[in-house]
Structures are given as structure tokens and as C-alpha cells.
Amino acid sequence: MVKASETGSSVGMIVSIQRFPGSRRPMQPVNPARIIHDFGLEKDHHARAGSERQLLLIEEETLQSMNLRIGEVRENLTTRGIDLTGLENGSILQVGSEVRLRITKPCLPCSRMDEIRAGLQRELEGRRGVLARVESGGSISVGDPIRIL
């Protein structure tokens, strides 16, 4: 996995994009997806202007190590090959050719994680991924590169 301390030439990729349609409803795969400046993923329940939680990103490697399915912890973007949890708040990610995201903070696991599996909320502490705000919008697709700038 690419470490956050390495240079901006480090590249991972998007392996899945999911939309959160609303409370307790299953995530909806989207490909391609439209990411809206200072709003989030088009038609996502969490998309809001000015929010620190416009997108949730998590590494596929984390999901696999915890025997979780893509989308199960309600992430919008599942990545491969890039250490998101090692990034500092304020870090910028380039996704594809158009989209730039600013990391706002780690995502704290909520009690709903225990509905997936007993004890999962505690297991995910420090590992549920990162929240981001959309600095510049555009279209993204599965397979697009993701770079730390």
C-alpha cells in the first residue's frame, strides 16, 4: 500500500463507487459518478454544501482484512493501493482527471457498525476511512487513479 508520507507521484485506484440512498437502505453502486463541488456524490443522502462529510473513503485492503464487503460500512469510494488513514487532515487527493478532494477528518465508526457484526464498531476504530470535502467536481469511474498531491 502507498504510504501517505511518500511523494505525490504515489498512485492508487478507485475500485468501487457507492451512493447512500438513505437510512438503513442498501448502498447503490454507481459508475461513472458525478461528484459536485462543495456538495458530494450526486443523489447521495449525505451530500450537503459546506459539510465535512461530503464523501467517505476507505481502503479495499482494510475491508478485506476485516472480512467486510465493499459498501458494507457505507463508504462512497473504495480505494486500492493508497493509505488513506495515514493522511493528515487537509491533504488533497486527485481522483481521475477532474476531481480533487480535501481530507477533513477520520471517520469515527458509529454504533450501526455493530448491526453488521457484534464488536465491529470497536474493531473499526482508527480504520473506518476518511471523510472528505469536494474541492473540485467532475466525473469519476471505477479504475480511475487516485493520487496524493
C-alpha atoms as a PDB file:
ATOM      1  CA  MET A   1       0.000   0.000   0.000  1.00  0.00           C
ATOM      2  CA  VAL A   2       1.230   3.533  -0.762  1.00  0.00           C
ATOM      3  CA  LYS A   3       2.117   5.396   2.434  1.00  0.00           C
ATOM      4  CA  ALA A   4       0.896   8.946   2.948  1.00  0.00           C
ATOM      5  CA  SER A   5       4.444  10.121   3.640  1.00  0.00           C
ATOM      6  CA  GLU A   6       5.584   9.224   0.131  1.00  0.00           C
ATOM      7  CA  THR A   7       5.662  11.709  -2.749  1.00  0.00           C
ATOM      8  CA  GLY A   8       2.675  12.939  -4.751  1.00  0.00           C
ATOM      9  CA  SER A   9       3.625  10.554  -7.556  1.00  0.00           C
ATOM     10  CA  SER A  10       2.097   7.733  -5.475  1.00  0.00           C
ATOM     11  CA  VAL A  11      -0.948   6.321  -7.203  1.00  0.00           C
ATOM     12  CA  GLY A  12      -3.810   4.127  -6.040  1.00  0.00           C
ATOM     13  CA  MET A  13      -7.115   3.480  -7.782  1.00  0.00           C
ATOM     14  CA  ILE A  14     -10.870   3.581  -7.281  1.00  0.00           C
ATOM     15  CA  VAL A  15     -12.298   0.056  -7.100  1.00  0.00           C
ATOM     16  CA  SER A  16     -15.914   0.944  -6.298  1.00  0.00           C
ATOM     17  CA  ILE A  17     -18.264   3.934  -6.058  1.00  0.00           C
ATOM     18  CA  GLN A  18     -21.430   3.733  -3.965  1.00  0.00           C
ATOM     19  CA  ARG A  19     -24.319   6.094  -3.291  1.00  0.00           C
ATOM     20  CA  PHE A  20     -26.033   6.139   0.133  1.00  0.00           C
ATOM     21  CA  PRO A  21     -29.779   6.370  -0.651  1.00  0.00           C
ATOM     22  CA  GLY A  22     -30.928   6.845   2.952  1.00  0.00           C
ATOM     23  CA  SER A  23     -31.075   5.328   6.396  1.00  0.00           C
ATOM     24  CA  ARG A  24     -30.869   1.527   6.518  1.00  0.00           C
ATOM     25  CA  ARG A  25     -31.177   1.193   2.730  1.00  0.00           C
ATOM     26  CA  PRO A  26     -28.523  -0.747   0.796  1.00  0.00           C
ATOM     27  CA  MET A  27     -25.760   1.178  -0.913  1.00  0.00           C
ATOM     28  CA  GLN A  28     -26.188   1.661  -4.666  1.00  0.00           C
ATOM     29  CA  PRO A  29     -23.191   1.078  -6.955  1.00  0.00           C
ATOM     30  CA  VAL A  30     -22.650   3.982  -9.365  1.00  0.00           C
ATOM     31  CA  ASN A  31     -20.288   4.000 -12.338  1.00  0.00           C
ATOM     32  CA  PRO A  32     -19.487   6.523 -13.656  1.00  0.00           C
ATOM     33  CA  ALA A  33     -20.384   9.011 -10.939  1.00  0.00           C
ATOM     34  CA  ARG A  34     -20.763  12.766 -10.833  1.00  0.00           C
ATOM     35  CA  ILE A  35     -19.002  14.481  -7.931  1.00  0.00           C
ATOM     36  CA  ILE A  36     -20.323  18.002  -7.266  1.00  0.00           C
ATOM     37  CA  HIS A  37     -18.080  20.836  -5.977  1.00  0.00           C
ATOM     38  CA  ASP A  38     -18.653  21.516  -2.246  1.00  0.00           C
ATOM     39  CA  PHE A  39     -21.571  19.088  -2.202  1.00  0.00           C
ATOM     40  CA  GLY A  40     -20.563  15.443  -2.730  1.00  0.00           C
ATOM     41  CA  LEU A  41     -21.738  12.491  -4.786  1.00  0.00           C
ATOM     42  CA  GLU A  42     -24.787  13.317  -6.889  1.00  0.00           C
ATOM     43  CA  LYS A  43     -28.012  11.971  -5.272  1.00  0.00           C
ATOM     44  CA  ASP A  44     -26.169  10.756  -2.146  1.00  0.00           C
ATOM     45  CA  HIS A  45     -28.071  11.166   1.136  1.00  0.00           C
ATOM     46  CA  HIS A  46     -25.006  12.676   2.867  1.00  0.00           C
ATOM     47  CA  ALA A  47     -24.231  15.218   0.132  1.00  0.00           C
ATOM     48  CA  ARG A  48     -24.529  18.719   1.587  1.00  0.00           C
ATOM     49  CA  ALA A  49     -22.944  22.072   0.828  1.00  0.00           C
ATOM     50  CA  GLY A  50     -20.386  23.080   3.445  1.00  0.00           C
ATOM     51  CA  SER A  51     -20.304  19.653   5.113  1.00  0.00           C
ATOM     52  CA  GLU A  52     -17.079  17.999   6.284  1.00  0.00           C
ATOM     53  CA  ARG A  53     -18.666  14.641   5.371  1.00  0.00           C
ATOM     54  CA  GLN A  54     -19.350  15.026   1.656  1.00  0.00           C
ATOM     55  CA  LEU A  55     -17.627  11.693   0.871  1.00  0.00           C
ATOM     56  CA  LEU A  56     -16.406   8.700   2.878  1.00  0.00           C
ATOM     57  CA  LEU A  57     -13.386   6.831   1.506  1.00  0.00           C
ATOM     58  CA  ILE A  58     -11.964   3.524   2.758  1.00  0.00           C
ATOM     59  CA  GLU A  59      -9.256   1.166   1.538  1.00  0.00           C
ATOM     60  CA  GLU A  60     -10.262  -2.162   0.000  1.00  0.00           C
ATOM     61  CA  GLU A  61      -7.316  -3.655   1.895  1.00  0.00           C
ATOM     62  CA  THR A  62      -8.948  -2.694   5.214  1.00  0.00           C
ATOM     63  CA  LEU A  63     -12.269  -4.229   4.182  1.00  0.00           C
ATOM     64  CA  GLN A  64     -10.576  -7.461   3.101  1.00  0.00           C
ATOM     65  CA  SER A  65      -8.536  -7.724   6.305  1.00  0.00           C
ATOM     66  CA  MET A  66     -11.758  -7.428   8.316  1.00  0.00           C
ATOM     67  CA  ASN A  67     -13.784  -9.777   6.083  1.00  0.00           C
ATOM     68  CA  LEU A  68     -16.170  -6.998   5.021  1.00  0.00           C
ATOM     69  CA  ARG A  69     -17.821  -6.476   1.645  1.00  0.00           C
ATOM     70  CA  ILE A  70     -17.421  -3.334  -0.445  1.00  0.00           C
ATOM     71  CA  GLY A  71     -20.080  -0.821   0.616  1.00  0.00           C
ATOM     72  CA  GLU A  72     -20.862  -2.631   3.847  1.00  0.00           C
ATOM     73  CA  VAL A  73     -19.502   0.162   6.075  1.00  0.00           C
ATOM     74  CA  ARG A  74     -21.312   2.782   3.946  1.00  0.00           C
ATOM     75  CA  GLU A  75     -18.303   4.195   2.112  1.00  0.00           C
ATOM     76  CA  ASN A  76     -18.752   6.190  -1.091  1.00  0.00           C
ATOM     77  CA  LEU A  77     -15.346   5.439  -2.583  1.00  0.00           C
ATOM     78  CA  THR A  78     -13.439   2.210  -2.080  1.00  0.00           C
ATOM     79  CA  THR A  79      -9.766   2.546  -2.969  1.00  0.00           C
ATOM     80  CA  ARG A  80      -6.838   0.199  -3.513  1.00  0.00           C
ATOM     81  CA  GLY A  81      -3.130   0.870  -3.099  1.00  0.00           C
ATOM     82  CA  ILE A  82      -3.217   4.078  -1.079  1.00  0.00           C
ATOM     83  CA  ASP A  83      -3.039   4.534   2.717  1.00  0.00           C
ATOM     84  CA  LEU A  84      -5.915   6.909   3.431  1.00  0.00           C
ATOM     85  CA  THR A  85      -5.903   6.602   7.209  1.00  0.00           C
ATOM     86  CA  GLY A  86      -2.288   7.801   7.260  1.00  0.00           C
ATOM     87  CA  LEU A  87      -3.197  11.107   5.600  1.00  0.00           C
ATOM     88  CA  GLU A  88      -3.272  14.319   7.591  1.00  0.00           C
ATOM     89  CA  ASN A  89      -6.408  16.444   7.716  1.00  0.00           C
ATOM     90  CA  GLY A  90      -6.208  18.957   4.873  1.00  0.00           C
ATOM     91  CA  SER A  91      -4.413  16.570   2.497  1.00  0.00           C
ATOM     92  CA  ILE A  92      -5.551  16.815  -1.131  1.00  0.00           C
ATOM     93  CA  LEU A  93      -6.376  13.816  -3.320  1.00  0.00           C
ATOM     94  CA  GLN A  94      -6.674  13.947  -7.105  1.00  0.00           C
ATOM     95  CA  VAL A  95      -9.271  11.431  -8.313  1.00  0.00           C
ATOM     96  CA  GLY A  96      -9.258  10.828 -12.047  1.00  0.00           C
ATOM     97  CA  SER A  97      -8.521  13.907 -14.130  1.00  0.00           C
ATOM     98  CA  GLU A  98     -11.114  16.334 -12.709  1.00  0.00           C
ATOM     99  CA  VAL A  99     -11.965  15.688  -9.065  1.00  0.00           C
ATOM    100  CA  ARG A 100      -9.999  16.994  -6.077  1.00  0.00           C
ATOM    101  CA  LEU A 101     -10.898  16.072  -2.524  1.00  0.00           C
ATOM    102  CA  ARG A 102      -9.675  17.602   0.748  1.00  0.00           C
ATOM    103  CA  ILE A 103      -9.448  15.187   3.678  1.00  0.00           C
ATOM    104  CA  THR A 104     -11.370  16.709   6.607  1.00  0.00           C
ATOM    105  CA  LYS A 105     -11.019  14.050   9.328  1.00  0.00           C
ATOM    106  CA  PRO A 106     -11.039  10.346  10.105  1.00  0.00           C
ATOM    107  CA  CYS A 107     -14.462   8.690  10.057  1.00  0.00           C
ATOM    108  CA  LEU A 108     -15.435   7.538  13.525  1.00  0.00           C
ATOM    109  CA  PRO A 109     -17.338   4.235  13.476  1.00  0.00           C
ATOM    110  CA  CYS A 110     -20.895   4.569  14.751  1.00  0.00           C
ATOM    111  CA  SER A 111     -22.998   2.078  16.698  1.00  0.00           C
ATOM    112  CA  ARG A 112     -24.655   0.903  13.469  1.00  0.00           C
ATOM    113  CA  MET A 113     -21.430  -0.940  12.660  1.00  0.00           C
ATOM    114  CA  ASP A 114     -22.370  -3.395  15.425  1.00  0.00           C
ATOM    115  CA  GLU A 115     -25.512  -4.204  13.396  1.00  0.00           C
ATOM    116  CA  ILE A 116     -23.196  -5.621  10.723  1.00  0.00           C
ATOM    117  CA  ARG A 117     -21.215  -7.671  13.228  1.00  0.00           C
ATOM    118  CA  ALA A 118     -21.053  -7.583  17.020  1.00  0.00           C
ATOM    119  CA  GLY A 119     -17.955  -5.645  18.089  1.00  0.00           C
ATOM    120  CA  LEU A 120     -17.320  -4.124  14.639  1.00  0.00           C
ATOM    121  CA  GLN A 121     -17.610  -0.543  15.901  1.00  0.00           C
ATOM    122  CA  ARG A 122     -14.631  -1.147  18.197  1.00  0.00           C
ATOM    123  CA  GLU A 123     -12.719  -3.142  15.531  1.00  0.00           C
ATOM    124  CA  LEU A 124     -13.050  -0.236  13.081  1.00  0.00           C
ATOM    125  CA  GLU A 125     -11.649   2.418  15.446  1.00  0.00           C
ATOM    126  CA  GLY A 126      -8.946   4.241  13.503  1.00  0.00           C
ATOM    127  CA  ARG A 127      -9.694   2.143  10.403  1.00  0.00           C
ATOM    128  CA  ARG A 128     -13.107   3.231   9.047  1.00  0.00           C
ATOM    129  CA  GLY A 129     -11.555   5.510   6.467  1.00  0.00           C
ATOM    130  CA  VAL A 130     -11.559   9.247   5.979  1.00  0.00           C
ATOM    131  CA  LEU A 131     -14.125  11.938   5.306  1.00  0.00           C
ATOM    132  CA  ALA A 132     -13.560  14.444   2.536  1.00  0.00           C
ATOM    133  CA  ARG A 133     -14.908  17.660   1.103  1.00  0.00           C
ATOM    134  CA  VAL A 134     -15.106  18.188  -2.673  1.00  0.00           C
ATOM    135  CA  GLU A 135     -12.669  20.929  -3.741  1.00  0.00           C
ATOM    136  CA  SER A 136     -13.391  20.467  -7.460  1.00  0.00           C
ATOM    137  CA  GLY A 137     -16.062  18.317  -9.012  1.00  0.00           C
ATOM    138  CA  GLY A 138     -16.365  16.266 -12.156  1.00  0.00           C
ATOM    139  CA  SER A 139     -16.868  12.714 -13.317  1.00  0.00           C
ATOM    140  CA  ILE A 140     -15.095   9.672 -11.862  1.00  0.00           C
ATOM    141  CA  SER A 141     -15.190   5.994 -12.744  1.00  0.00           C
ATOM    142  CA  VAL A 142     -14.079   2.691 -11.285  1.00  0.00           C
ATOM    143  CA  GLY A 143     -10.425   2.206 -12.277  1.00  0.00           C
ATOM    144  CA  ASP A 144      -9.580   5.907 -12.114  1.00  0.00           C
ATOM    145  CA  PRO A 145      -6.268   6.721 -10.434  1.00  0.00           C
ATOM    146  CA  ILE A 146      -6.190   8.425  -7.059  1.00  0.00           C
ATOM    147  CA  ARG A 147      -3.092  10.433  -6.115  1.00  0.00           C
ATOM    148  CA  ILE A 148      -1.907  12.258  -3.018  1.00  0.00           C
ATOM    149  CA  LEU A 149      -0.978  15.813  -4.039  1.00  0.00           C
END
